[in-house]
Amino acid sequence: MIPRTLFAALPVTLLLAACTPPPDSPTRMGAAGPLVQLSDPRTCLNRECLLYDARLGRVQQPGREMIRLPEGMADADGFISARDFQHLLDRTRAEPTVADGNDGAVEFVTRGRIAH
């Protein structure tokens, strides 16, 4: 028989696991400061994350429209500056929300209106 204390501790353990911040992506120092590596599928720095699709060269916030990485932003090894990472966070947060319609088509929700 499993002790009751094990069941009592389970919700607390699950809550702590859910609150664990995502690990930062690999970083290194560049001439102008810290660089963060774009990691598919998720790039994180200082507990903030972007979803990154290396094949498409695009990033997004969950539930937001994807944006293309500006040409030349990442170096040959796939690193970007912390400042560029923050710029991408700001840009992706400003993108329209993506909603999946009942017909399977993707709709874009902008300012309370749905545009097809």
N, C-alpha and C. Protein backbone atom coordinates (compact mmCIF):
# COMPACT_ATOMS: atom_id res chain seq x y z
N MET A 1 0.84 -1.19 0.00
CA MET A 1 0.00 0.00 0.00
C MET A 1 0.89 1.25 0.00
N ILE A 2 0.45 2.27 -0.72
CA ILE A 2 1.22 3.51 -0.83
C ILE A 2 0.83 4.44 0.32
N PRO A 3 1.82 4.99 1.03
CA PRO A 3 1.52 5.86 2.17
C PRO A 3 0.78 7.12 1.72
N ARG A 4 -0.09 7.60 2.61
CA ARG A 4 -0.87 8.82 2.32
C ARG A 4 0.02 10.04 2.16
N THR A 5 1.14 10.07 2.85
CA THR A 5 2.03 11.24 2.75
C THR A 5 2.56 11.41 1.32
N LEU A 6 2.71 10.30 0.60
CA LEU A 6 3.16 10.40 -0.79
C LEU A 6 2.12 11.12 -1.63
N PHE A 7 0.84 10.78 -1.42
CA PHE A 7 -0.22 11.44 -2.16
C PHE A 7 -0.36 12.91 -1.76
N ALA A 8 -0.12 13.21 -0.50
CA ALA A 8 -0.21 14.59 -0.03
C ALA A 8 0.90 15.45 -0.64
N ALA A 9 2.06 14.88 -0.86
CA ALA A 9 3.19 15.63 -1.41
C ALA A 9 3.12 15.78 -2.93
N LEU A 10 2.34 14.97 -3.59
CA LEU A 10 2.28 14.99 -5.05
C LEU A 10 1.83 16.34 -5.61
N PRO A 11 0.74 16.96 -5.13
CA PRO A 11 0.35 18.26 -5.69
C PRO A 11 1.42 19.34 -5.52
N VAL A 12 2.10 19.34 -4.39
CA VAL A 12 3.16 20.33 -4.15
C VAL A 12 4.31 20.10 -5.13
N THR A 13 4.67 18.86 -5.35
CA THR A 13 5.74 18.53 -6.29
C THR A 13 5.37 18.96 -7.70
N LEU A 14 4.14 18.69 -8.11
CA LEU A 14 3.70 19.10 -9.44
C LEU A 14 3.68 20.61 -9.59
N LEU A 15 3.25 21.33 -8.55
CA LEU A 15 3.23 22.79 -8.59
C LEU A 15 4.63 23.35 -8.73
N LEU A 16 5.57 22.82 -7.98
CA LEU A 16 6.96 23.29 -8.07
C LEU A 16 7.55 23.01 -9.44
N ALA A 17 7.24 21.87 -10.01
CA ALA A 17 7.75 21.54 -11.34
C ALA A 17 7.18 22.48 -12.39
N ALA A 18 5.91 22.85 -12.25
CA ALA A 18 5.27 23.76 -13.20
C ALA A 18 5.83 25.17 -13.09
N CYS A 19 6.35 25.55 -11.94
CA CYS A 19 6.87 26.89 -11.72
C CYS A 19 8.36 27.02 -12.02
N THR A 20 8.99 25.94 -12.39
CA THR A 20 10.42 25.99 -12.69
C THR A 20 10.64 26.81 -13.95
N PRO A 21 11.47 27.84 -13.88
CA PRO A 21 11.69 28.67 -15.07
C PRO A 21 12.42 27.88 -16.15
N PRO A 22 12.18 28.24 -17.42
CA PRO A 22 12.87 27.53 -18.49
C PRO A 22 14.37 27.83 -18.45
N PRO A 23 15.19 26.87 -18.83
CA PRO A 23 16.64 27.13 -18.83
C PRO A 23 17.01 28.08 -19.97
N ASP A 24 18.02 28.90 -19.72
CA ASP A 24 18.51 29.79 -20.77
C ASP A 24 19.17 28.98 -21.87
N SER A 25 19.07 29.49 -23.09
CA SER A 25 19.79 28.90 -24.21
C SER A 25 21.28 29.18 -24.03
N PRO A 26 22.12 28.44 -24.74
CA PRO A 26 23.57 28.69 -24.62
C PRO A 26 23.92 30.15 -24.93
N THR A 27 24.85 30.69 -24.17
CA THR A 27 25.30 32.07 -24.38
C THR A 27 26.82 32.11 -24.48
N ARG A 28 27.32 33.20 -25.01
CA ARG A 28 28.75 33.46 -25.04
C ARG A 28 28.95 34.97 -25.10
N MET A 29 30.14 35.41 -24.80
CA MET A 29 30.43 36.84 -24.85
C MET A 29 30.92 37.21 -26.25
N GLY A 30 30.36 38.31 -26.75
CA GLY A 30 30.79 38.85 -28.03
C GLY A 30 31.49 40.18 -27.80
N ALA A 31 31.94 40.81 -28.86
CA ALA A 31 32.64 42.09 -28.74
C ALA A 31 31.75 43.17 -28.14
N ALA A 32 30.44 43.11 -28.44
CA ALA A 32 29.51 44.13 -27.96
C ALA A 32 28.70 43.68 -26.74
N GLY A 33 29.02 42.50 -26.17
CA GLY A 33 28.30 42.02 -25.01
C GLY A 33 27.83 40.59 -25.19
N PRO A 34 26.89 40.16 -24.33
CA PRO A 34 26.45 38.76 -24.38
C PRO A 34 25.67 38.42 -25.65
N LEU A 35 25.86 37.19 -26.11
CA LEU A 35 25.15 36.65 -27.26
C LEU A 35 24.38 35.42 -26.81
N VAL A 36 23.20 35.20 -27.39
CA VAL A 36 22.39 34.02 -27.08
C VAL A 36 22.21 33.22 -28.36
N GLN A 37 22.29 31.89 -28.23
CA GLN A 37 22.16 31.04 -29.41
C GLN A 37 20.69 30.78 -29.71
N LEU A 38 20.30 30.96 -30.97
CA LEU A 38 18.95 30.61 -31.40
C LEU A 38 18.85 29.09 -31.41
N SER A 39 17.95 28.55 -30.60
CA SER A 39 17.79 27.11 -30.45
C SER A 39 16.39 26.71 -30.87
N ASP A 40 16.30 25.78 -31.81
CA ASP A 40 15.03 25.27 -32.28
C ASP A 40 14.60 24.17 -31.31
N PRO A 41 13.44 24.18 -30.71
CA PRO A 41 12.27 25.00 -30.99
C PRO A 41 12.10 26.20 -30.06
N ARG A 42 12.95 26.33 -29.02
CA ARG A 42 12.71 27.41 -28.05
C ARG A 42 14.03 28.05 -27.67
N THR A 43 14.05 29.37 -27.71
CA THR A 43 15.23 30.14 -27.31
C THR A 43 14.84 30.97 -26.10
N CYS A 44 15.57 30.83 -25.00
CA CYS A 44 15.24 31.54 -23.76
C CYS A 44 16.43 32.32 -23.24
N LEU A 45 16.15 33.47 -22.64
CA LEU A 45 17.16 34.29 -21.99
C LEU A 45 16.47 35.04 -20.86
N ASN A 46 17.03 34.95 -19.67
CA ASN A 46 16.48 35.64 -18.49
C ASN A 46 14.99 35.34 -18.28
N ARG A 47 14.63 34.07 -18.40
CA ARG A 47 13.26 33.57 -18.16
C ARG A 47 12.24 34.03 -19.21
N GLU A 48 12.70 34.56 -20.31
CA GLU A 48 11.79 34.93 -21.41
C GLU A 48 12.16 34.10 -22.62
N CYS A 49 11.13 33.63 -23.33
CA CYS A 49 11.38 32.69 -24.43
C CYS A 49 10.70 33.12 -25.72
N LEU A 50 11.32 32.71 -26.81
CA LEU A 50 10.76 32.81 -28.15
C LEU A 50 10.70 31.41 -28.73
N LEU A 51 9.67 31.13 -29.50
CA LEU A 51 9.64 29.89 -30.26
C LEU A 51 10.40 30.17 -31.55
N TYR A 52 11.35 29.32 -31.89
CA TYR A 52 12.21 29.54 -33.06
C TYR A 52 12.10 28.37 -34.01
N ASP A 53 11.85 28.66 -35.27
CA ASP A 53 11.81 27.65 -36.32
C ASP A 53 13.01 27.88 -37.23
N ALA A 54 14.05 27.05 -37.07
CA ALA A 54 15.28 27.23 -37.84
C ALA A 54 15.05 27.03 -39.33
N ARG A 55 14.17 26.10 -39.68
CA ARG A 55 13.91 25.82 -41.09
C ARG A 55 13.32 27.03 -41.79
N LEU A 56 12.40 27.72 -41.11
CA LEU A 56 11.75 28.89 -41.70
C LEU A 56 12.49 30.20 -41.41
N GLY A 57 13.40 30.17 -40.43
CA GLY A 57 14.09 31.40 -40.05
C GLY A 57 13.14 32.40 -39.42
N ARG A 58 12.20 31.90 -38.61
CA ARG A 58 11.17 32.75 -38.00
C ARG A 58 11.08 32.50 -36.50
N VAL A 59 10.58 33.51 -35.78
CA VAL A 59 10.35 33.40 -34.34
C VAL A 59 8.93 33.85 -34.04
N GLN A 60 8.43 33.47 -32.86
CA GLN A 60 7.10 33.90 -32.44
C GLN A 60 6.95 33.73 -30.94
N GLN A 61 5.95 34.42 -30.41
CA GLN A 61 5.47 34.18 -29.06
C GLN A 61 4.33 33.18 -29.20
N PRO A 62 4.13 32.28 -28.25
CA PRO A 62 3.01 31.35 -28.36
C PRO A 62 1.70 32.10 -28.56
N GLY A 63 0.93 31.67 -29.56
CA GLY A 63 -0.36 32.28 -29.85
C GLY A 63 -0.29 33.54 -30.69
N ARG A 64 0.89 33.93 -31.10
CA ARG A 64 1.08 35.13 -31.92
C ARG A 64 1.61 34.74 -33.30
N GLU A 65 1.44 35.62 -34.25
CA GLU A 65 1.92 35.40 -35.61
C GLU A 65 3.45 35.36 -35.64
N MET A 66 4.01 34.55 -36.53
CA MET A 66 5.47 34.45 -36.67
C MET A 66 6.02 35.66 -37.41
N ILE A 67 7.28 35.99 -37.09
CA ILE A 67 7.99 37.04 -37.84
C ILE A 67 9.31 36.47 -38.34
N ARG A 68 9.77 37.00 -39.45
CA ARG A 68 11.04 36.57 -40.04
C ARG A 68 12.20 37.24 -39.30
N LEU A 69 13.27 36.48 -39.09
CA LEU A 69 14.47 37.07 -38.51
C LEU A 69 15.06 38.04 -39.53
N PRO A 70 15.42 39.24 -39.11
CA PRO A 70 16.05 40.16 -40.05
C PRO A 70 17.35 39.57 -40.60
N GLU A 71 17.60 39.80 -41.87
CA GLU A 71 18.80 39.30 -42.55
C GLU A 71 20.05 39.76 -41.81
N GLY A 72 20.94 38.83 -41.52
CA GLY A 72 22.20 39.16 -40.89
C GLY A 72 22.15 39.36 -39.38
N MET A 73 20.97 39.17 -38.75
CA MET A 73 20.88 39.36 -37.30
C MET A 73 21.70 38.31 -36.56
N ALA A 74 21.60 37.07 -37.00
CA ALA A 74 22.35 35.98 -36.35
C ALA A 74 23.71 35.83 -37.02
N ASP A 75 24.71 35.49 -36.21
CA ASP A 75 26.04 35.25 -36.79
C ASP A 75 26.07 33.84 -37.40
N ALA A 76 27.21 33.45 -37.93
CA ALA A 76 27.34 32.16 -38.62
C ALA A 76 27.02 30.97 -37.72
N ASP A 77 27.21 31.12 -36.41
CA ASP A 77 26.93 30.03 -35.46
C ASP A 77 25.52 30.10 -34.89
N GLY A 78 24.70 31.04 -35.36
CA GLY A 78 23.32 31.14 -34.89
C GLY A 78 23.15 31.91 -33.59
N PHE A 79 24.09 32.78 -33.24
CA PHE A 79 23.99 33.60 -32.04
C PHE A 79 23.51 35.00 -32.40
N ILE A 80 22.70 35.58 -31.51
CA ILE A 80 22.26 36.97 -31.65
C ILE A 80 22.59 37.71 -30.36
N SER A 81 22.64 39.02 -30.43
CA SER A 81 22.94 39.80 -29.22
C SER A 81 21.74 39.78 -28.28
N ALA A 82 22.00 40.00 -27.01
CA ALA A 82 20.91 40.09 -26.03
C ALA A 82 19.98 41.24 -26.40
N ARG A 83 20.53 42.30 -26.94
CA ARG A 83 19.71 43.45 -27.37
C ARG A 83 18.78 43.05 -28.52
N ASP A 84 19.31 42.30 -29.50
CA ASP A 84 18.47 41.82 -30.60
C ASP A 84 17.41 40.84 -30.10
N PHE A 85 17.76 40.01 -29.12
CA PHE A 85 16.78 39.10 -28.53
C PHE A 85 15.63 39.89 -27.92
N GLN A 86 15.94 40.95 -27.17
CA GLN A 86 14.90 41.79 -26.58
C GLN A 86 14.06 42.46 -27.67
N HIS A 87 14.71 42.90 -28.73
CA HIS A 87 14.00 43.52 -29.86
C HIS A 87 13.01 42.52 -30.47
N LEU A 88 13.44 41.26 -30.64
CA LEU A 88 12.54 40.23 -31.18
C LEU A 88 11.39 39.95 -30.22
N LEU A 89 11.66 39.93 -28.92
CA LEU A 89 10.57 39.76 -27.94
C LEU A 89 9.54 40.86 -28.09
N ASP A 90 10.00 42.10 -28.18
CA ASP A 90 9.08 43.24 -28.31
C ASP A 90 8.27 43.15 -29.61
N ARG A 91 8.94 42.81 -30.70
CA ARG A 91 8.24 42.71 -32.00
C ARG A 91 7.22 41.59 -32.01
N THR A 92 7.58 40.42 -31.46
CA THR A 92 6.65 39.29 -31.49
C THR A 92 5.46 39.52 -30.57
N ARG A 93 5.66 40.25 -29.49
CA ARG A 93 4.53 40.56 -28.60
C ARG A 93 3.53 41.50 -29.27
N ALA A 94 3.98 42.27 -30.24
CA ALA A 94 3.11 43.22 -30.94
C ALA A 94 2.37 42.57 -32.11
N GLU A 95 2.72 41.34 -32.45
CA GLU A 95 2.09 40.66 -33.57
C GLU A 95 0.65 40.27 -33.24
N PRO A 96 -0.20 40.15 -34.27
CA PRO A 96 -1.59 39.74 -34.05
C PRO A 96 -1.67 38.33 -33.47
N THR A 97 -2.75 38.09 -32.76
CA THR A 97 -3.01 36.77 -32.20
C THR A 97 -3.48 35.84 -33.30
N VAL A 98 -3.11 34.57 -33.20
CA VAL A 98 -3.53 33.57 -34.16
C VAL A 98 -4.59 32.71 -33.51
N ALA A 99 -5.73 32.52 -34.20
CA ALA A 99 -6.81 31.67 -33.69
C ALA A 99 -7.12 30.61 -34.73
N ASP A 100 -7.41 29.40 -34.30
CA ASP A 100 -7.74 28.32 -35.21
C ASP A 100 -9.26 28.24 -35.33
N GLY A 101 -9.79 28.45 -36.52
CA GLY A 101 -11.24 28.40 -36.74
C GLY A 101 -11.75 26.97 -36.75
N ASN A 102 -13.06 26.81 -36.63
CA ASN A 102 -13.67 25.48 -36.62
C ASN A 102 -13.47 24.75 -37.94
N ASP A 103 -13.29 25.51 -39.04
CA ASP A 103 -13.12 24.88 -40.34
C ASP A 103 -11.68 24.46 -40.61
N GLY A 104 -10.80 24.68 -39.62
CA GLY A 104 -9.41 24.30 -39.78
C GLY A 104 -8.56 25.40 -40.40
N ALA A 105 -9.20 26.45 -40.92
CA ALA A 105 -8.44 27.56 -41.49
C ALA A 105 -7.88 28.42 -40.38
N VAL A 106 -6.78 29.06 -40.63
CA VAL A 106 -6.18 29.94 -39.64
C VAL A 106 -6.76 31.34 -39.82
N GLU A 107 -7.18 31.93 -38.73
CA GLU A 107 -7.73 33.28 -38.74
C GLU A 107 -6.84 34.16 -37.87
N PHE A 108 -6.75 35.41 -38.20
CA PHE A 108 -5.95 36.35 -37.45
C PHE A 108 -6.88 37.29 -36.71
N VAL A 109 -6.74 37.34 -35.38
CA VAL A 109 -7.59 38.19 -34.55
C VAL A 109 -6.82 39.48 -34.29
N THR A 110 -7.38 40.60 -34.75
CA THR A 110 -6.71 41.89 -34.59
C THR A 110 -7.71 42.90 -34.07
N ARG A 111 -7.38 43.52 -32.95
CA ARG A 111 -8.20 44.57 -32.36
C ARG A 111 -9.68 44.19 -32.26
N GLY A 112 -9.93 42.98 -31.82
CA GLY A 112 -11.30 42.56 -31.58
C GLY A 112 -12.05 42.10 -32.81
N ARG A 113 -11.43 42.20 -34.00
CA ARG A 113 -12.08 41.75 -35.23
C ARG A 113 -11.32 40.56 -35.79
N ILE A 114 -12.03 39.70 -36.47
CA ILE A 114 -11.38 38.55 -37.09
C ILE A 114 -11.27 38.82 -38.58
N ALA A 115 -10.05 38.74 -39.09
CA ALA A 115 -9.79 38.93 -40.52
C ALA A 115 -9.40 37.60 -41.12
N HIS A 116 -10.02 37.22 -42.22
CA HIS A 116 -9.70 35.93 -42.87
C HIS A 116 -8.62 36.12 -43.89
